Amino acid sequence: MCGRYVLALRPGEVRQQLEDAGMPVDEAPEDEATRQSYNVAPGYYELVYRADVPDMGSGGKNYKEGGEVEGAAAHTKAEEEGDEGPEESKGAAKETKYKLQAMKWGLIPFWTKRNPDYSTMLRTINCRDDSLAENRGMWTSMKQKKRCIIVCQGFYEWLKKNGGKEKIPHYVKRKDGQLMCFAGLWDCVQYEDSTETLYTYTIITTSPNDQLKFLHDRMPVILENGSDALRTWLDPNRSTWTKELQSLLKPYEGELEVYAVSKEVGKVGNNSPNFVIPVASLENRGNIRNFFKGEGVKKEKEESEDTTEEKEQDVKKSDENIPIKPEPLEAPNTPTTPSRKRRQPPTTPTPAAKKPQRKPPSSPSPARKTRSATSNGTAARKPAKGGGGGGSMKITSFFG
């Protein structure tokens, strides 16, 4: 089974890659016609590559005598009889042209009168290869005249564990990175209450190859890009189902790359480029090992920043305690000259320097007399007769 795939490219990009692989594209929709998604689900409008044939298929339209298009019954009868339509449609085979077309995933047969509900549409998102072996059932008209290729980059499949209680999504892609080309069928319908034509498609599945046996019991039929098998599948001149066409529906023989991805892809509507990144990859941020590894790196970085900041603070404090040595001021407007190494003159012995002799102290100037501590320099008065008159006496008599 194939219930989810990836096509995150615009129609213009898909067209270029197909043409590079030798698959001509004569017509393609505008880039806005489809949804670029990493999680394409049933009901989405996506790109289909097919031969440019009428809506009734490669056998041409079927007409009544009056020129009106036949209904479902006449359509099936014309397929069985191999009616090629009016005379103007017959004649020499023209060069086949191919086109990319936006179609809805989930095939709705042309005889459907009303829009089916979602659960009914899910029944026709895939078509088993063994159901095409016999010419009966709902696929009979489509397999003969409405074969197509569904273009994608890869698809998802779920690995069941614990009796189906746990489902682990895996992404499958070509190892060479080229586009995948699924074999498919298409049809178109116009409901009774509508004037629009709705184009739909289904993906054909087959047994898994050796690489995918562990994952699921079915896989899409993958045709090699630009191969003869692919051209045979799309050949509009092959309007009858043959063993050759049936033999093309087999497991893919090329190399595939398979790995587990995020479980978020399981919800329809989720869309992220992380869905195609392996869970165990270093690029996947959702990996719990990478999460804790990132936390450890973040913690180490924070510790390193803290240590660096502490060192800077210590250096700053030590710088504050160092006395600042003033720098010598330069003389203004002094022209600078290149420094030259001065040669030292030859040294000659010099006599020992004589010590300077002290001069004797000079005599005091005669102009200045010393003053006595007990005399004011005036002549002492003579004592009066009769002793002790006048109230004055020598200082020695006073103490004696």
Protein backbone atom coordinates (compact mmCIF):
# COMPACT_ATOMS: atom_id res chain seq x y z
CA MET A 1 0.00 0.00 0.00
CA CYS A 2 1.07 3.58 -0.62
CA GLY A 3 -0.93 6.10 1.40
CA ARG A 4 1.44 9.05 1.67
CA TYR A 5 4.25 10.44 -0.49
CA VAL A 6 6.42 13.51 -1.11
CA LEU A 7 6.40 16.04 -3.94
CA ALA A 8 7.79 19.35 -2.73
CA LEU A 9 8.72 20.56 -6.24
CA ARG A 10 6.87 23.02 -8.42
CA PRO A 11 5.53 21.83 -11.80
CA GLY A 12 8.25 23.78 -13.60
CA GLU A 13 10.94 21.96 -11.61
CA VAL A 14 9.32 18.57 -12.23
CA ARG A 15 9.07 19.32 -15.93
CA GLN A 16 12.77 20.12 -16.12
CA GLN A 17 13.79 16.92 -14.35
CA LEU A 18 11.55 14.77 -16.55
CA GLU A 19 12.92 16.33 -19.73
CA ASP A 20 16.46 15.76 -18.44
CA ALA A 21 15.55 12.06 -18.10
CA GLY A 22 14.33 11.86 -21.73
CA MET A 23 10.63 12.27 -20.94
CA PRO A 24 9.23 15.12 -23.08
CA VAL A 25 6.63 17.44 -21.57
CA ASP A 26 4.58 19.36 -24.15
CA GLU A 27 2.17 20.83 -21.61
CA ALA A 28 2.37 21.55 -17.89
CA PRO A 29 0.22 23.43 -15.37
CA GLU A 30 1.21 26.65 -13.66
CA ASP A 31 3.29 26.42 -10.50
CA GLU A 32 0.28 27.42 -8.37
CA ALA A 33 -1.90 24.57 -9.70
CA THR A 34 -0.60 21.99 -7.20
CA ARG A 35 0.39 21.91 -3.57
CA GLN A 36 4.08 21.38 -2.87
CA SER A 37 4.11 19.06 0.12
CA TYR A 38 6.31 16.75 2.16
CA ASN A 39 3.16 14.92 3.20
CA VAL A 40 0.89 14.33 0.19
CA ALA A 41 -2.32 12.62 1.32
CA PRO A 42 -5.36 11.18 -0.52
CA GLY A 43 -7.59 13.92 -1.84
CA TYR A 44 -4.67 16.24 -2.76
CA TYR A 45 -4.26 17.53 -6.29
CA GLU A 46 -0.86 16.41 -7.54
CA LEU A 47 1.04 15.95 -10.80
CA VAL A 48 0.34 13.09 -13.20
CA TYR A 49 2.35 12.43 -16.40
CA ARG A 50 0.40 10.89 -19.28
CA ALA A 51 -0.06 10.78 -23.01
CA ASP A 52 -2.12 13.67 -24.34
CA VAL A 53 -5.25 11.73 -25.38
CA PRO A 54 -8.97 12.57 -25.24
CA ASP A 55 -10.86 12.22 -21.98
CA MET A 56 -12.39 8.94 -23.20
CA GLY A 57 -8.91 7.45 -23.32
CA SER A 58 -6.39 6.46 -25.97
CA GLY A 59 -9.08 4.84 -28.14
CA GLY A 60 -10.66 8.23 -28.83
CA LYS A 61 -14.13 9.46 -28.00
CA ASN A 62 -17.18 7.34 -28.78
CA TYR A 63 -20.08 8.93 -30.59
CA LYS A 64 -23.73 8.31 -31.33
CA GLU A 65 -25.14 8.80 -34.77
CA GLY A 66 -26.12 12.34 -33.82
CA GLY A 67 -22.60 13.24 -32.74
CA GLU A 68 -23.22 13.22 -28.96
CA VAL A 69 -20.76 11.62 -26.59
CA GLU A 70 -21.90 8.19 -25.45
CA GLY A 71 -22.72 7.46 -21.82
CA ALA A 72 -21.12 4.92 -19.54
CA ALA A 73 -22.74 1.88 -21.12
CA ALA A 74 -21.80 2.86 -24.66
CA HIS A 75 -18.32 3.80 -23.38
CA THR A 76 -17.73 0.28 -22.05
CA LYS A 77 -19.24 -1.33 -25.16
CA ALA A 78 -16.98 0.73 -27.42
CA GLU A 79 -13.96 -0.43 -25.41
CA GLU A 80 -14.96 -4.07 -25.83
CA GLU A 81 -15.56 -3.68 -29.57
CA GLY A 82 -12.43 -1.56 -30.07
CA ASP A 83 -14.41 1.33 -31.62
CA GLU A 84 -11.99 4.08 -32.58
CA GLY A 85 -14.63 6.80 -32.90
CA PRO A 86 -15.53 8.85 -35.98
CA GLU A 87 -13.67 8.56 -39.25
CA GLU A 88 -11.66 11.73 -38.68
CA SER A 89 -10.02 10.11 -35.64
CA LYS A 90 -8.81 7.18 -37.72
CA GLY A 91 -5.90 7.20 -40.08
CA ALA A 92 -2.18 7.51 -39.72
CA ALA A 93 -0.82 7.53 -36.16
CA LYS A 94 0.29 10.96 -35.06
CA GLU A 95 3.32 11.73 -32.97
CA THR A 96 2.48 11.16 -29.33
CA LYS A 97 2.57 14.18 -27.06
CA TYR A 98 2.86 14.03 -23.30
CA LYS A 99 1.76 16.37 -20.57
CA LEU A 100 1.80 16.99 -16.85
CA GLN A 101 -1.65 17.42 -15.37
CA ALA A 102 -2.96 18.18 -11.89
CA MET A 103 -5.33 15.41 -10.73
CA LYS A 104 -6.97 14.41 -7.46
CA TRP A 105 -5.61 11.37 -5.66
CA GLY A 106 -8.31 8.71 -5.28
CA LEU A 107 -9.77 7.41 -8.55
CA ILE A 108 -13.45 8.07 -9.20
CA PRO A 109 -14.77 6.07 -12.21
CA PHE A 110 -16.46 7.94 -15.06
CA TRP A 111 -19.87 6.34 -14.39
CA THR A 112 -20.12 7.85 -10.86
CA LYS A 113 -23.12 10.19 -10.60
CA ARG A 114 -22.52 11.86 -7.24
CA ASN A 115 -19.45 12.91 -5.31
CA PRO A 116 -18.44 9.99 -3.06
CA ASP A 117 -17.56 10.48 0.61
CA TYR A 118 -13.96 10.39 1.82
CA SER A 119 -14.01 6.80 3.07
CA THR A 120 -15.25 5.57 -0.32
CA MET A 121 -12.54 7.50 -2.12
CA LEU A 122 -9.87 5.92 0.10
CA ARG A 123 -10.72 2.51 -1.37
CA THR A 124 -9.37 3.58 -4.75
CA ILE A 125 -6.12 5.36 -3.84
CA ASN A 126 -4.33 2.10 -4.71
CA CYS A 127 -4.90 -0.66 -7.27
CA ARG A 128 -3.38 -4.12 -6.82
CA ASP A 129 -1.44 -5.48 -9.79
CA ASP A 130 -3.08 -8.91 -9.53
CA SER A 131 -6.53 -7.29 -9.86
CA LEU A 132 -5.58 -6.24 -13.41
CA ALA A 133 -4.68 -9.74 -14.60
CA GLU A 134 -8.25 -10.51 -15.72
CA ASN A 135 -10.53 -8.37 -17.87
CA ARG A 136 -13.17 -7.74 -15.28
CA GLY A 137 -13.88 -5.35 -12.47
CA MET A 138 -13.85 -1.57 -12.25
CA TRP A 139 -10.31 -1.20 -13.60
CA THR A 140 -10.97 -2.74 -17.01
CA SER A 141 -11.61 0.44 -18.98
CA MET A 142 -8.82 2.42 -17.31
CA LYS A 143 -6.07 -0.17 -17.71
CA GLN A 144 -6.63 -0.33 -21.46
CA LYS A 145 -6.73 3.35 -22.36
CA LYS A 146 -5.92 5.48 -19.31
CA ARG A 147 -2.50 4.55 -18.02
CA CYS A 148 -0.32 7.19 -16.40
CA ILE A 149 2.72 7.93 -14.26
CA ILE A 150 2.53 9.54 -10.80
CA VAL A 151 5.62 11.64 -10.13
CA CYS A 152 7.10 11.95 -6.65
CA GLN A 153 10.36 12.24 -4.72
CA GLY A 154 9.69 9.37 -2.32
CA PHE A 155 6.96 7.74 -0.25
CA TYR A 156 6.20 6.75 3.35
CA GLU A 157 5.39 3.35 4.78
CA TRP A 158 4.67 2.39 8.38
CA LEU A 159 6.42 -0.46 10.17
CA LYS A 160 4.10 -2.21 12.62
CA LYS A 161 5.45 -3.34 16.00
CA ASN A 162 3.96 -4.92 19.12
CA GLY A 163 1.15 -6.52 17.17
CA GLY A 164 0.28 -3.32 15.34
CA LYS A 165 0.03 -1.19 18.50
CA GLU A 166 3.06 0.86 17.46
CA LYS A 167 3.63 2.19 13.95
CA ILE A 168 6.96 3.71 12.96
CA PRO A 169 6.97 5.74 9.72
CA HIS A 170 9.77 5.14 7.21
CA TYR A 171 10.74 7.20 4.20
CA VAL A 172 11.67 5.43 0.95
CA LYS A 173 13.47 7.13 -1.93
CA ARG A 174 15.76 6.32 -4.81
CA LYS A 175 19.38 6.10 -3.74
CA ASP A 176 20.47 8.22 -6.73
CA GLY A 177 18.07 11.01 -5.73
CA GLN A 178 16.12 10.94 -8.99
CA LEU A 179 12.34 11.32 -9.20
CA MET A 180 10.20 8.25 -8.66
CA CYS A 181 7.74 7.27 -11.41
CA PHE A 182 4.81 5.20 -10.08
CA ALA A 183 2.67 3.26 -12.54
CA GLY A 184 -0.93 4.42 -12.25
CA LEU A 185 -4.36 4.73 -13.86
CA TRP A 186 -6.48 7.85 -14.35
CA ASP A 187 -10.07 8.68 -15.19
CA CYS A 188 -12.38 11.69 -15.40
CA VAL A 189 -15.97 12.17 -14.31
CA GLN A 190 -18.70 14.79 -14.47
CA TYR A 191 -21.34 14.59 -11.74
CA GLU A 192 -25.00 15.09 -12.51
CA ASP A 193 -25.19 18.36 -10.60
CA SER A 194 -21.94 19.79 -11.97
CA THR A 195 -20.59 21.16 -15.22
CA GLU A 196 -16.94 20.62 -14.30
CA THR A 197 -14.84 17.62 -15.23
CA LEU A 198 -12.91 16.05 -12.36
CA TYR A 199 -9.68 14.16 -13.10
CA THR A 200 -8.55 11.52 -10.60
CA TYR A 201 -5.86 8.83 -10.34
CA THR A 202 -4.76 5.70 -8.48
CA ILE A 203 -1.33 4.16 -7.76
CA ILE A 204 -0.69 0.51 -8.71
CA THR A 205 0.99 -1.63 -6.06
CA THR A 206 2.86 -4.94 -6.24
CA SER A 207 4.87 -7.28 -4.01
CA PRO A 208 7.80 -5.67 -2.14
CA ASN A 209 11.40 -6.12 -3.23
CA ASP A 210 14.08 -7.49 -0.90
CA GLN A 211 14.79 -4.08 0.59
CA LEU A 212 11.20 -3.46 1.67
CA LYS A 213 10.06 -6.90 2.78
CA PHE A 214 10.71 -6.01 6.43
CA LEU A 215 8.53 -2.92 6.13
CA HIS A 216 5.34 -3.95 4.31
CA ASP A 217 3.84 -6.62 2.07
CA ARG A 218 3.12 -4.14 -0.76
CA MET A 219 5.00 -1.38 -2.58
CA PRO A 220 4.25 0.95 -5.51
CA VAL A 221 5.19 -0.19 -9.02
CA ILE A 222 8.23 1.97 -9.87
CA LEU A 223 9.20 2.32 -13.53
CA GLU A 224 12.67 3.53 -14.51
CA ASN A 225 12.72 7.14 -15.70
CA GLY A 226 12.85 7.43 -19.50
CA SER A 227 13.01 3.65 -19.95
CA ASP A 228 11.42 1.52 -22.67
CA ALA A 229 9.17 0.01 -20.01
CA LEU A 230 7.85 3.46 -19.14
CA ARG A 231 7.22 4.37 -22.78
CA THR A 232 5.44 1.05 -23.33
CA TRP A 233 3.22 1.70 -20.32
CA LEU A 234 2.20 5.13 -21.63
CA ASP A 235 1.88 4.13 -25.31
CA PRO A 236 -1.60 5.31 -26.39
CA ASN A 237 -1.58 2.91 -29.33
CA ARG A 238 -1.80 -0.03 -26.94
CA SER A 239 -5.52 0.08 -26.20
CA THR A 240 -5.80 -3.60 -25.29
CA TRP A 241 -4.50 -5.13 -22.10
CA THR A 242 -1.71 -7.61 -22.82
CA LYS A 243 0.70 -9.88 -20.98
CA GLU A 244 3.47 -7.47 -21.90
CA LEU A 245 1.73 -4.66 -20.02
CA GLN A 246 1.01 -6.97 -17.09
CA SER A 247 4.68 -8.00 -16.92
CA LEU A 248 5.71 -4.38 -16.28
CA LEU A 249 4.00 -4.49 -12.89
CA LYS A 250 6.79 -5.95 -10.78
CA PRO A 251 8.96 -5.00 -7.78
CA TYR A 252 11.56 -2.31 -8.32
CA GLU A 253 15.01 -3.66 -9.16
CA GLY A 254 17.03 -0.51 -8.45
CA GLU A 255 18.58 0.60 -5.17
CA LEU A 256 16.44 2.32 -2.59
CA GLU A 257 17.22 4.18 0.62
CA VAL A 258 14.97 3.47 3.62
CA TYR A 259 15.06 5.01 7.10
CA ALA A 260 12.78 5.90 10.02
CA VAL A 261 11.40 9.44 10.22
CA SER A 262 9.33 11.61 12.55
CA LYS A 263 5.94 10.32 13.67
CA GLU A 264 4.48 13.76 12.98
CA VAL A 265 4.12 12.75 9.33
CA GLY A 266 1.26 10.48 10.36
CA LYS A 267 -1.11 13.42 10.83
CA VAL A 268 -2.71 14.65 7.62
CA GLY A 269 -2.11 18.37 7.21
CA ASN A 270 1.33 18.39 8.82
CA ASN A 271 3.99 19.54 6.41
CA SER A 272 7.70 20.00 7.09
CA PRO A 273 11.01 19.31 5.33
CA ASN A 274 12.09 17.60 8.57
CA PHE A 275 9.80 14.70 7.64
CA VAL A 276 12.37 13.37 5.16
CA ILE A 277 15.32 13.65 7.59
CA PRO A 278 16.27 10.41 9.40
CA VAL A 279 15.34 10.33 13.07
CA ALA A 280 18.88 9.21 13.94
CA SER A 281 20.48 11.95 11.85
CA LEU A 282 22.53 14.74 13.41
CA GLU A 283 20.47 17.18 11.35
CA ASN A 284 17.24 16.15 13.07
CA ARG A 285 16.54 18.44 16.02
CA GLY A 286 13.78 16.11 17.18
CA ASN A 287 16.32 13.39 17.94
CA ILE A 288 16.39 13.09 21.74
CA ARG A 289 20.09 12.24 21.70
CA ASN A 290 20.81 15.38 19.72
CA PHE A 291 18.58 17.35 22.09
CA PHE A 292 20.56 16.39 25.19
CA LYS A 293 23.79 16.73 23.26
CA GLY A 294 22.76 20.25 22.36
CA GLU A 295 21.90 20.99 25.99
CA GLY A 296 25.37 19.79 27.04
CA VAL A 297 27.05 21.97 24.46
CA LYS A 298 24.91 24.91 25.58
CA LYS A 299 25.84 24.32 29.23
CA GLU A 300 29.55 24.08 28.39
CA LYS A 301 29.28 27.29 26.41
CA GLU A 302 27.58 29.08 29.32
CA GLU A 303 30.23 27.80 31.77
CA SER A 304 32.97 28.92 29.41
CA GLU A 305 31.38 32.36 29.16
CA ASP A 306 31.10 32.61 32.97
CA THR A 307 34.77 31.62 33.40
CA THR A 308 35.84 34.16 30.81
CA GLU A 309 33.81 36.87 32.54
CA GLU A 310 35.37 36.04 35.93
CA LYS A 311 38.85 36.19 34.43
CA GLU A 312 38.08 39.57 32.90
CA GLN A 313 36.87 40.87 36.26
CA ASP A 314 40.02 39.60 38.03
CA VAL A 315 42.21 41.24 35.41
CA LYS A 316 40.26 44.47 35.84
CA LYS A 317 40.71 44.44 39.62
CA SER A 318 44.43 43.75 39.35
CA ASP A 319 44.78 46.58 36.86
CA GLU A 320 43.17 48.96 39.35
CA ASN A 321 45.85 48.17 42.01
CA ILE A 322 48.78 48.82 39.72
CA PRO A 323 50.09 52.46 40.03
CA ILE A 324 49.96 54.31 36.80
CA LYS A 325 53.37 55.49 35.66
CA PRO A 326 53.13 58.90 34.01
CA GLU A 327 54.44 58.98 30.52
CA PRO A 328 57.02 61.70 29.67
CA LEU A 329 55.59 64.56 27.75
CA GLU A 330 57.03 65.20 24.38
CA ALA A 331 58.15 68.66 23.38
CA PRO A 332 55.64 70.16 20.98
CA ASN A 333 56.55 70.58 17.34
CA THR A 334 59.72 68.60 17.81
CA PRO A 335 60.66 66.91 14.56
CA THR A 336 61.28 63.25 14.96
CA THR A 337 64.43 61.84 13.52
CA PRO A 338 65.26 58.23 13.05
CA SER A 339 67.22 56.88 15.98
CA ARG A 340 70.86 56.11 15.38
CA LYS A 341 73.01 53.87 17.43
CA ARG A 342 75.57 56.08 19.20
CA ARG A 343 79.10 54.80 19.09
CA GLN A 344 80.86 54.62 22.39
CA PRO A 345 84.23 56.49 22.38
CA PRO A 346 87.26 54.54 23.56
CA THR A 347 87.53 54.70 27.31
CA THR A 348 90.74 56.14 28.83
CA PRO A 349 91.78 55.83 32.48
CA THR A 350 91.01 58.98 34.46
CA PRO A 351 92.83 60.05 37.66
CA ALA A 352 90.99 59.64 40.86
CA ALA A 353 89.01 62.68 41.74
CA LYS A 354 90.33 64.72 44.70
CA LYS A 355 88.10 65.21 47.63
CA PRO A 356 87.23 68.87 48.17
CA GLN A 357 88.89 70.34 51.31
CA ARG A 358 86.75 72.11 53.83
CA LYS A 359 87.47 75.80 54.34
CA PRO A 360 88.07 77.04 57.93
CA PRO A 361 85.20 79.01 59.40
CA SER A 362 85.58 82.69 58.90
CA SER A 363 85.87 85.02 61.94
CA PRO A 364 82.71 86.82 63.04
CA SER A 365 82.18 90.25 61.78
CA PRO A 366 83.69 92.91 64.20
CA ALA A 367 80.82 95.22 63.62
CA ARG A 368 78.46 93.16 65.77
CA LYS A 369 79.05 92.67 69.53
CA THR A 370 77.69 89.92 71.66
CA ARG A 371 75.19 90.93 74.27
CA SER A 372 75.52 89.87 77.91
CA ALA A 373 72.71 88.00 79.51
CA THR A 374 73.19 89.96 82.76
CA SER A 375 73.92 93.38 81.45
CA ASN A 376 72.22 95.75 79.15
CA GLY A 377 75.47 97.37 78.20
CA THR A 378 75.19 100.43 80.43
CA ALA A 379 77.61 101.29 83.26
CA ALA A 380 76.55 100.12 86.63
CA ARG A 381 75.55 102.77 89.10
CA LYS A 382 77.67 103.30 92.19
CA PRO A 383 75.95 102.55 95.40
CA ALA A 384 74.86 105.50 97.40
CA LYS A 385 76.49 106.29 100.60
CA GLY A 386 74.88 104.80 103.52
CA GLY A 387 74.45 101.46 101.65
CA GLY A 388 71.47 99.98 99.93
CA GLY A 389 70.17 103.34 98.79
CA GLY A 390 68.37 103.61 95.52
CA GLY A 391 66.85 100.06 95.75
CA SER A 392 69.37 98.50 93.36
CA MET A 393 71.86 95.75 94.05
CA LYS A 394 73.94 93.25 92.17
CA ILE A 395 72.18 90.06 91.23
CA THR A 396 74.77 88.01 93.06
CA SER A 397 73.94 89.76 96.28
CA PHE A 398 70.28 89.01 95.69
CA PHE A 399 70.86 85.27 95.51
CA GLY A 400 73.59 85.23 98.15
